[in-house]
Amino acid sequence: MLVIIPTYNELQNLPIVTAAVRALPTPVDILVVDDGSPDGTGALADRLAAEHPQMHALHRTAKDGLGRAYLAGFAWAMARGYDVVVEMDADGSHPPESLPALLDALDRRPEVGLVIGSRWIDGGRLIDWGAIRHALSRGGNRYARTVLGLPVADCTAGYRAYRTSVLSSIHLDDVHSHGYCFQIEMTLRVRDAGVRMAEVPIVFRDRIAGESKMSKAIVLEAMLRVTYWGLLRFVRGARNQLQARRA
């Protein structure tokens, strides 16, 4: 099992988060995917990998979005035969102590291919977020779920565990989202592949240190792509109904 942690300028947070993951009773490997951080995060990842055999570092030349970093990590994991990969933020917002619950949900339910650490089911919650950010997250989630008909409460969540057999079946070369919309697109593709999903509650905290990577461009990308996918869903549904009537 591999935990993928994408980084860009996470020099302060990376040693804290990776130490917490290594301290878990469940043995896991860690892959840090660094997008050429100018603050030295990539060099720190190399030092940690040299000190801890279960840690690895993958370097990309420039900041190219969360989605592209995860896709690079997925490819690295599948090439090395991992059966499960976990997405985890480097900023401390995803609680490492919840990782065993995500993995247990996969172990207990062989029909499930994706487990999401959810903020919006019973037992899940947000801590340290302001009212505007809270409303933006909840509203964006509700919009995506409604427009796309997604069967999960937290389709934008970035703390999740996939079976690599699922990843190999959903044509990752066709995934083009760069920012946080990547999580919505992956949820949509897993649903369209007919794969079951499950959610476990997590307590989501604000980052330990540093600045959020959220921007207006990331929010706009998500809104435009979700609206486009929703329109495609509507057109396909209308076409199918018309064909059914003619038949």
C-alpha atoms as a PDB file:
ATOM      1  CA  MET A   1       0.000   0.000   0.000  1.00  0.00           C
ATOM      2  CA  LEU A   2       1.306   3.419  -0.991  1.00  0.00           C
ATOM      3  CA  VAL A   3       0.432   6.865   0.375  1.00  0.00           C
ATOM      4  CA  ILE A   4       0.976   9.559  -2.251  1.00  0.00           C
ATOM      5  CA  ILE A   5       1.702  13.047  -0.918  1.00  0.00           C
ATOM      6  CA  PRO A   6       2.014  15.816  -3.535  1.00  0.00           C
ATOM      7  CA  THR A   7       4.023  18.839  -2.460  1.00  0.00           C
ATOM      8  CA  TYR A   8       4.730  22.393  -3.484  1.00  0.00           C
ATOM      9  CA  ASN A   9       6.437  24.567  -0.866  1.00  0.00           C
ATOM     10  CA  GLU A  10       5.593  22.328   2.091  1.00  0.00           C
ATOM     11  CA  LEU A  11       8.989  22.413   3.806  1.00  0.00           C
ATOM     12  CA  GLN A  12       7.546  22.929   7.301  1.00  0.00           C
ATOM     13  CA  ASN A  13       4.678  20.465   7.010  1.00  0.00           C
ATOM     14  CA  LEU A  14       6.250  17.521   5.199  1.00  0.00           C
ATOM     15  CA  PRO A  15       8.363  16.108   8.080  1.00  0.00           C
ATOM     16  CA  ILE A  16       5.406  16.370  10.478  1.00  0.00           C
ATOM     17  CA  VAL A  17       2.951  14.622   8.183  1.00  0.00           C
ATOM     18  CA  THR A  18       5.298  11.869   7.036  1.00  0.00           C
ATOM     19  CA  ALA A  19       6.399  11.147  10.617  1.00  0.00           C
ATOM     20  CA  ALA A  20       2.741  10.736  11.617  1.00  0.00           C
ATOM     21  CA  VAL A  21       2.139   8.315   8.736  1.00  0.00           C
ATOM     22  CA  ARG A  22       5.251   6.292   9.563  1.00  0.00           C
ATOM     23  CA  ALA A  23       4.098   6.047  13.202  1.00  0.00           C
ATOM     24  CA  LEU A  24       0.835   4.312  12.266  1.00  0.00           C
ATOM     25  CA  PRO A  25       0.465   0.636  13.263  1.00  0.00           C
ATOM     26  CA  THR A  26      -0.353  -0.157   9.629  1.00  0.00           C
ATOM     27  CA  PRO A  27       2.895  -0.442   7.620  1.00  0.00           C
ATOM     28  CA  VAL A  28       2.730   1.744   4.519  1.00  0.00           C
ATOM     29  CA  ASP A  29       5.077   3.147   1.923  1.00  0.00           C
ATOM     30  CA  ILE A  30       5.111   6.872   1.169  1.00  0.00           C
ATOM     31  CA  LEU A  31       5.734   8.614  -2.153  1.00  0.00           C
ATOM     32  CA  VAL A  32       6.334  12.364  -2.099  1.00  0.00           C
ATOM     33  CA  VAL A  33       5.599  13.914  -5.503  1.00  0.00           C
ATOM     34  CA  ASP A  34       7.248  17.318  -5.555  1.00  0.00           C
ATOM     35  CA  ASP A  35       6.560  19.891  -8.267  1.00  0.00           C
ATOM     36  CA  GLY A  36       9.930  21.632  -8.167  1.00  0.00           C
ATOM     37  CA  SER A  37       9.297  23.469  -4.888  1.00  0.00           C
ATOM     38  CA  PRO A  38      11.565  26.526  -4.665  1.00  0.00           C
ATOM     39  CA  ASP A  39      11.617  26.322  -0.851  1.00  0.00           C
ATOM     40  CA  GLY A  40      13.622  23.070  -0.797  1.00  0.00           C
ATOM     41  CA  THR A  41      10.769  20.623  -0.158  1.00  0.00           C
ATOM     42  CA  GLY A  42      12.085  18.305  -2.872  1.00  0.00           C
ATOM     43  CA  ALA A  43      15.551  18.151  -1.303  1.00  0.00           C
ATOM     44  CA  LEU A  44      13.978  17.426   2.072  1.00  0.00           C
ATOM     45  CA  ALA A  45      11.960  14.596   0.491  1.00  0.00           C
ATOM     46  CA  ASP A  46      15.206  13.096  -0.802  1.00  0.00           C
ATOM     47  CA  ARG A  47      16.797  13.280   2.663  1.00  0.00           C
ATOM     48  CA  LEU A  48      13.772  11.644   4.280  1.00  0.00           C
ATOM     49  CA  ALA A  49      13.802   8.904   1.626  1.00  0.00           C
ATOM     50  CA  ALA A  50      17.469   8.248   2.354  1.00  0.00           C
ATOM     51  CA  GLU A  51      16.727   7.931   6.081  1.00  0.00           C
ATOM     52  CA  HIS A  52      13.564   5.827   5.858  1.00  0.00           C
ATOM     53  CA  PRO A  53      13.386   2.815   3.501  1.00  0.00           C
ATOM     54  CA  GLN A  54       9.591   3.067   3.144  1.00  0.00           C
ATOM     55  CA  MET A  55       9.814   6.622   1.803  1.00  0.00           C
ATOM     56  CA  HIS A  56      10.367   7.590  -1.837  1.00  0.00           C
ATOM     57  CA  ALA A  57      10.553  10.860  -3.775  1.00  0.00           C
ATOM     58  CA  LEU A  58       9.379  11.648  -7.292  1.00  0.00           C
ATOM     59  CA  HIS A  59      10.458  14.983  -8.765  1.00  0.00           C
ATOM     60  CA  ARG A  60       8.600  16.959 -11.415  1.00  0.00           C
ATOM     61  CA  THR A  61      10.135  20.011 -13.026  1.00  0.00           C
ATOM     62  CA  ALA A  62       7.393  22.584 -12.452  1.00  0.00           C
ATOM     63  CA  LYS A  63       4.137  23.266 -10.659  1.00  0.00           C
ATOM     64  CA  ASP A  64       1.516  21.630 -12.877  1.00  0.00           C
ATOM     65  CA  GLY A  65      -1.511  21.135 -10.671  1.00  0.00           C
ATOM     66  CA  LEU A  66      -2.682  18.661  -8.088  1.00  0.00           C
ATOM     67  CA  GLY A  67      -4.253  16.351 -10.650  1.00  0.00           C
ATOM     68  CA  ARG A  68      -1.123  15.918 -12.724  1.00  0.00           C
ATOM     69  CA  ALA A  69       0.927  15.224  -9.590  1.00  0.00           C
ATOM     70  CA  TYR A  70      -1.461  12.481  -8.492  1.00  0.00           C
ATOM     71  CA  LEU A  71      -1.538  10.948 -11.967  1.00  0.00           C
ATOM     72  CA  ALA A  72       2.263  10.766 -11.904  1.00  0.00           C
ATOM     73  CA  GLY A  73       2.061   9.102  -8.491  1.00  0.00           C
ATOM     74  CA  PHE A  74      -0.568   6.613  -9.699  1.00  0.00           C
ATOM     75  CA  ALA A  75       1.626   5.636 -12.641  1.00  0.00           C
ATOM     76  CA  TRP A  76       4.629   5.184 -10.317  1.00  0.00           C
ATOM     77  CA  ALA A  77       2.565   2.996  -7.967  1.00  0.00           C
ATOM     78  CA  MET A  78       1.065   0.796 -10.679  1.00  0.00           C
ATOM     79  CA  ALA A  79       4.449   0.263 -12.311  1.00  0.00           C
ATOM     80  CA  ARG A  80       5.684  -1.142  -8.976  1.00  0.00           C
ATOM     81  CA  GLY A  81       2.741  -3.409  -8.285  1.00  0.00           C
ATOM     82  CA  TYR A  82       0.997  -1.658  -5.383  1.00  0.00           C
ATOM     83  CA  ASP A  83      -2.582  -2.846  -4.915  1.00  0.00           C
ATOM     84  CA  VAL A  84      -3.867   0.217  -3.029  1.00  0.00           C
ATOM     85  CA  VAL A  85      -2.911   3.889  -3.258  1.00  0.00           C
ATOM     86  CA  VAL A  86      -3.965   6.651  -0.890  1.00  0.00           C
ATOM     87  CA  GLU A  87      -4.150  10.367  -1.621  1.00  0.00           C
ATOM     88  CA  MET A  88      -3.094  12.570   1.287  1.00  0.00           C
ATOM     89  CA  ASP A  89      -2.414  16.299   1.497  1.00  0.00           C
ATOM     90  CA  ALA A  90       0.992  17.418   2.755  1.00  0.00           C
ATOM     91  CA  ASP A  91      -0.378  20.276   4.852  1.00  0.00           C
ATOM     92  CA  GLY A  92      -1.713  18.245   7.791  1.00  0.00           C
ATOM     93  CA  SER A  93      -5.399  18.727   6.973  1.00  0.00           C
ATOM     94  CA  HIS A  94      -5.915  14.991   6.377  1.00  0.00           C
ATOM     95  CA  PRO A  95      -5.603  13.133   9.700  1.00  0.00           C
ATOM     96  CA  PRO A  96      -3.150  10.227   9.364  1.00  0.00           C
ATOM     97  CA  GLU A  97      -4.915   8.495  12.273  1.00  0.00           C
ATOM     98  CA  SER A  98      -7.970   8.037  10.009  1.00  0.00           C
ATOM     99  CA  LEU A  99      -5.974   6.057   7.433  1.00  0.00           C
ATOM    100  CA  PRO A 100      -6.635   2.646   9.056  1.00  0.00           C
ATOM    101  CA  ALA A 101     -10.401   3.305   8.778  1.00  0.00           C
ATOM    102  CA  LEU A 102     -10.100   3.985   5.030  1.00  0.00           C
ATOM    103  CA  LEU A 103      -8.092   0.820   4.508  1.00  0.00           C
ATOM    104  CA  ASP A 104     -10.426  -1.238   6.693  1.00  0.00           C
ATOM    105  CA  ALA A 105     -13.386  -0.157   4.547  1.00  0.00           C
ATOM    106  CA  LEU A 106     -11.571  -1.537   1.484  1.00  0.00           C
ATOM    107  CA  ASP A 107     -10.654  -4.766   3.266  1.00  0.00           C
ATOM    108  CA  ARG A 108     -14.176  -5.443   4.528  1.00  0.00           C
ATOM    109  CA  ARG A 109     -15.963  -4.666   1.267  1.00  0.00           C
ATOM    110  CA  PRO A 110     -14.289  -6.268  -1.760  1.00  0.00           C
ATOM    111  CA  GLU A 111     -16.898  -4.729  -4.083  1.00  0.00           C
ATOM    112  CA  VAL A 112     -15.733  -1.211  -3.119  1.00  0.00           C
ATOM    113  CA  GLY A 113     -12.967   0.291  -5.252  1.00  0.00           C
ATOM    114  CA  LEU A 114     -12.772   3.784  -3.759  1.00  0.00           C
ATOM    115  CA  VAL A 115     -13.077   4.904  -0.129  1.00  0.00           C
ATOM    116  CA  ILE A 116     -13.404   8.630   0.567  1.00  0.00           C
ATOM    117  CA  GLY A 117     -12.532  10.364   3.825  1.00  0.00           C
ATOM    118  CA  SER A 118     -15.667  12.483   4.103  1.00  0.00           C
ATOM    119  CA  ARG A 119     -16.333  15.765   5.893  1.00  0.00           C
ATOM    120  CA  TRP A 120     -20.061  15.699   5.122  1.00  0.00           C
ATOM    121  CA  ILE A 121     -21.345  12.439   6.620  1.00  0.00           C
ATOM    122  CA  ASP A 122     -22.222  11.717  10.254  1.00  0.00           C
ATOM    123  CA  GLY A 123     -19.054  11.931  12.312  1.00  0.00           C
ATOM    124  CA  GLY A 124     -17.205  14.094   9.798  1.00  0.00           C
ATOM    125  CA  ARG A 125     -16.544  17.769  10.395  1.00  0.00           C
ATOM    126  CA  LEU A 126     -14.383  20.789   9.633  1.00  0.00           C
ATOM    127  CA  ILE A 127     -12.191  22.590  12.154  1.00  0.00           C
ATOM    128  CA  ASP A 128     -10.580  26.036  11.896  1.00  0.00           C
ATOM    129  CA  TRP A 129     -12.309  27.088   8.671  1.00  0.00           C
ATOM    130  CA  GLY A 130     -13.935  30.477   8.268  1.00  0.00           C
ATOM    131  CA  ALA A 131     -17.596  30.829   7.337  1.00  0.00           C
ATOM    132  CA  ILE A 132     -16.903  31.849   3.713  1.00  0.00           C
ATOM    133  CA  ARG A 133     -14.546  28.966   3.010  1.00  0.00           C
ATOM    134  CA  HIS A 134     -16.914  26.556   4.743  1.00  0.00           C
ATOM    135  CA  ALA A 135     -19.856  27.759   2.637  1.00  0.00           C
ATOM    136  CA  LEU A 136     -17.787  27.600  -0.576  1.00  0.00           C
ATOM    137  CA  SER A 137     -16.777  23.998   0.089  1.00  0.00           C
ATOM    138  CA  ARG A 138     -20.256  22.830   1.025  1.00  0.00           C
ATOM    139  CA  GLY A 139     -21.887  24.728  -1.845  1.00  0.00           C
ATOM    140  CA  GLY A 140     -19.400  23.446  -4.421  1.00  0.00           C
ATOM    141  CA  ASN A 141     -19.931  19.903  -3.201  1.00  0.00           C
ATOM    142  CA  ARG A 142     -23.704  20.222  -3.382  1.00  0.00           C
ATOM    143  CA  TYR A 143     -23.516  21.691  -6.895  1.00  0.00           C
ATOM    144  CA  ALA A 144     -21.277  18.918  -8.211  1.00  0.00           C
ATOM    145  CA  ARG A 145     -23.339  16.157  -6.603  1.00  0.00           C
ATOM    146  CA  THR A 146     -26.592  17.576  -7.957  1.00  0.00           C
ATOM    147  CA  VAL A 147     -25.425  18.342 -11.495  1.00  0.00           C
ATOM    148  CA  LEU A 148     -23.555  15.074 -11.943  1.00  0.00           C
ATOM    149  CA  GLY A 149     -25.738  12.771  -9.845  1.00  0.00           C
ATOM    150  CA  LEU A 150     -22.818  11.542  -7.768  1.00  0.00           C
ATOM    151  CA  PRO A 151     -23.720   9.023  -5.035  1.00  0.00           C
ATOM    152  CA  VAL A 152     -21.337  10.353  -2.357  1.00  0.00           C
ATOM    153  CA  ALA A 153     -21.627  13.182   0.158  1.00  0.00           C
ATOM    154  CA  ASP A 154     -18.095  14.566  -0.335  1.00  0.00           C
ATOM    155  CA  CYS A 155     -17.095  14.348  -3.993  1.00  0.00           C
ATOM    156  CA  THR A 156     -14.407  17.058  -3.646  1.00  0.00           C
ATOM    157  CA  ALA A 157     -12.593  15.289  -0.805  1.00  0.00           C
ATOM    158  CA  GLY A 158      -8.897  14.726  -1.389  1.00  0.00           C
ATOM    159  CA  TYR A 159      -8.314  12.077   1.265  1.00  0.00           C
ATOM    160  CA  ARG A 160      -9.141   8.794  -0.435  1.00  0.00           C
ATOM    161  CA  ALA A 161      -7.991   5.229  -1.040  1.00  0.00           C
ATOM    162  CA  TYR A 162      -8.194   3.519  -4.448  1.00  0.00           C
ATOM    163  CA  ARG A 163      -7.625  -0.019  -5.546  1.00  0.00           C
ATOM    164  CA  THR A 164      -5.096   0.219  -8.363  1.00  0.00           C
ATOM    165  CA  SER A 165      -7.203  -2.273 -10.321  1.00  0.00           C
ATOM    166  CA  VAL A 166      -9.846   0.478 -10.479  1.00  0.00           C
ATOM    167  CA  LEU A 167      -7.332   3.113 -11.553  1.00  0.00           C
ATOM    168  CA  SER A 168      -6.097   0.878 -14.372  1.00  0.00           C
ATOM    169  CA  SER A 169      -9.648   0.524 -15.689  1.00  0.00           C
ATOM    170  CA  ILE A 170     -10.734   4.172 -15.967  1.00  0.00           C
ATOM    171  CA  HIS A 171      -8.429   5.534 -18.706  1.00  0.00           C
ATOM    172  CA  LEU A 172      -6.275   7.906 -16.661  1.00  0.00           C
ATOM    173  CA  ASP A 173      -4.732   9.297 -19.851  1.00  0.00           C
ATOM    174  CA  ASP A 174      -8.073  10.999 -20.483  1.00  0.00           C
ATOM    175  CA  VAL A 175      -8.152  12.794 -17.097  1.00  0.00           C
ATOM    176  CA  HIS A 176      -7.331  16.452 -17.728  1.00  0.00           C
ATOM    177  CA  SER A 177      -8.325  18.353 -14.550  1.00  0.00           C
ATOM    178  CA  HIS A 178      -5.456  20.180 -12.910  1.00  0.00           C
ATOM    179  CA  GLY A 179      -6.736  21.603  -9.610  1.00  0.00           C
ATOM    180  CA  TYR A 180      -9.139  20.336  -6.981  1.00  0.00           C
ATOM    181  CA  CYS A 181     -11.625  19.554  -9.754  1.00  0.00           C
ATOM    182  CA  PHE A 182      -9.474  16.466 -10.233  1.00  0.00           C
ATOM    183  CA  GLN A 183     -11.226  14.857  -7.271  1.00  0.00           C
ATOM    184  CA  ILE A 184     -14.660  15.459  -8.803  1.00  0.00           C
ATOM    185  CA  GLU A 185     -13.561  14.064 -12.160  1.00  0.00           C
ATOM    186  CA  MET A 186     -12.109  10.944 -10.557  1.00  0.00           C
ATOM    187  CA  THR A 187     -15.312  10.381  -8.565  1.00  0.00           C
ATOM    188  CA  LEU A 188     -17.311  10.761 -11.772  1.00  0.00           C
ATOM    189  CA  ARG A 189     -15.113   8.306 -13.663  1.00  0.00           C
ATOM    190  CA  VAL A 190     -15.268   5.716 -10.901  1.00  0.00           C
ATOM    191  CA  ARG A 191     -19.066   6.037 -10.827  1.00  0.00           C
ATOM    192  CA  ASP A 192     -19.307   5.758 -14.623  1.00  0.00           C
ATOM    193  CA  ALA A 193     -17.147   2.619 -14.508  1.00  0.00           C
ATOM    194  CA  GLY A 194     -19.787   0.993 -12.297  1.00  0.00           C
ATOM    195  CA  VAL A 195     -17.436   0.752  -9.311  1.00  0.00           C
ATOM    196  CA  ARG A 196     -18.867   0.965  -5.805  1.00  0.00           C
ATOM    197  CA  MET A 197     -17.689   3.741  -3.498  1.00  0.00           C
ATOM    198  CA  ALA A 198     -17.813   4.145   0.281  1.00  0.00           C
ATOM    199  CA  GLU A 199     -17.207   7.004   2.720  1.00  0.00           C
ATOM    200  CA  VAL A 200     -15.767   7.110   6.220  1.00  0.00           C
ATOM    201  CA  PRO A 201     -15.943  10.224   8.409  1.00  0.00           C
ATOM    202  CA  ILE A 202     -12.862  12.348   9.015  1.00  0.00           C
ATOM    203  CA  VAL A 203     -12.122  15.512  10.977  1.00  0.00           C
ATOM    204  CA  PHE A 204     -10.629  17.939   8.468  1.00  0.00           C
ATOM    205  CA  ARG A 205      -8.385  20.675   9.900  1.00  0.00           C
ATOM    206  CA  ASP A 206      -6.800  23.749   8.370  1.00  0.00           C
ATOM    207  CA  ARG A 207      -3.201  23.425   7.258  1.00  0.00           C
ATOM    208  CA  ILE A 208      -0.423  23.340   9.871  1.00  0.00           C
ATOM    209  CA  ALA A 209       1.719  26.020   8.212  1.00  0.00           C
ATOM    210  CA  GLY A 210       2.161  27.801   4.891  1.00  0.00           C
ATOM    211  CA  GLU A 211      -0.351  29.156   2.414  1.00  0.00           C
ATOM    212  CA  SER A 212      -3.329  27.445   0.787  1.00  0.00           C
ATOM    213  CA  LYS A 213      -2.992  26.578  -2.901  1.00  0.00           C
ATOM    214  CA  MET A 214      -6.667  27.398  -3.502  1.00  0.00           C
ATOM    215  CA  SER A 215      -7.204  30.192  -6.040  1.00  0.00           C
ATOM    216  CA  LYS A 216      -9.954  31.766  -8.122  1.00  0.00           C
ATOM    217  CA  ALA A 217      -8.629  29.920 -11.172  1.00  0.00           C
ATOM    218  CA  ILE A 218      -9.007  26.564  -9.398  1.00  0.00           C
ATOM    219  CA  VAL A 219     -12.573  27.378  -8.358  1.00  0.00           C
ATOM    220  CA  LEU A 220     -13.410  28.547 -11.888  1.00  0.00           C
ATOM    221  CA  GLU A 221     -11.987  25.388 -13.439  1.00  0.00           C
ATOM    222  CA  ALA A 222     -14.181  23.274 -11.181  1.00  0.00           C
ATOM    223  CA  MET A 223     -17.339  25.274 -11.928  1.00  0.00           C
ATOM    224  CA  LEU A 224     -16.810  25.223 -15.687  1.00  0.00           C
ATOM    225  CA  ARG A 225     -15.895  21.549 -15.906  1.00  0.00           C
ATOM    226  CA  VAL A 226     -18.742  20.397 -13.650  1.00  0.00           C
ATOM    227  CA  THR A 227     -21.222  22.475 -15.660  1.00  0.00           C
ATOM    228  CA  TYR A 228     -19.874  21.037 -18.930  1.00  0.00           C
ATOM    229  CA  TRP A 229     -20.035  17.449 -17.641  1.00  0.00           C
ATOM    230  CA  GLY A 230     -23.541  18.106 -16.356  1.00  0.00           C
ATOM    231  CA  LEU A 231     -24.686  19.372 -19.751  1.00  0.00           C
ATOM    232  CA  LEU A 232     -23.230  16.284 -21.421  1.00  0.00           C
ATOM    233  CA  ARG A 233     -25.104  14.109 -18.918  1.00  0.00           C
ATOM    234  CA  PHE A 234     -28.354  15.946 -19.665  1.00  0.00           C
ATOM    235  CA  VAL A 235     -27.930  15.692 -23.445  1.00  0.00           C
ATOM    236  CA  ARG A 236     -27.073  11.987 -23.275  1.00  0.00           C
ATOM    237  CA  GLY A 237     -30.061  11.332 -21.037  1.00  0.00           C
ATOM    238  CA  ALA A 238     -32.403  13.206 -23.376  1.00  0.00           C
ATOM    239  CA  ARG A 239     -31.007  11.326 -26.375  1.00  0.00           C
ATOM    240  CA  ASN A 240     -31.478   7.977 -24.645  1.00  0.00           C
ATOM    241  CA  GLN A 241     -35.076   8.838 -23.756  1.00  0.00           C
ATOM    242  CA  LEU A 242     -35.787   9.843 -27.362  1.00  0.00           C
ATOM    243  CA  GLN A 243     -34.299   6.620 -28.684  1.00  0.00           C
ATOM    244  CA  ALA A 244     -36.327   4.610 -26.156  1.00  0.00           C
ATOM    245  CA  ARG A 245     -39.566   6.265 -27.321  1.00  0.00           C
ATOM    246  CA  ARG A 246     -38.752   5.561 -30.968  1.00  0.00           C
ATOM    247  CA  ALA A 247     -38.013   1.945 -30.167  1.00  0.00           C
END
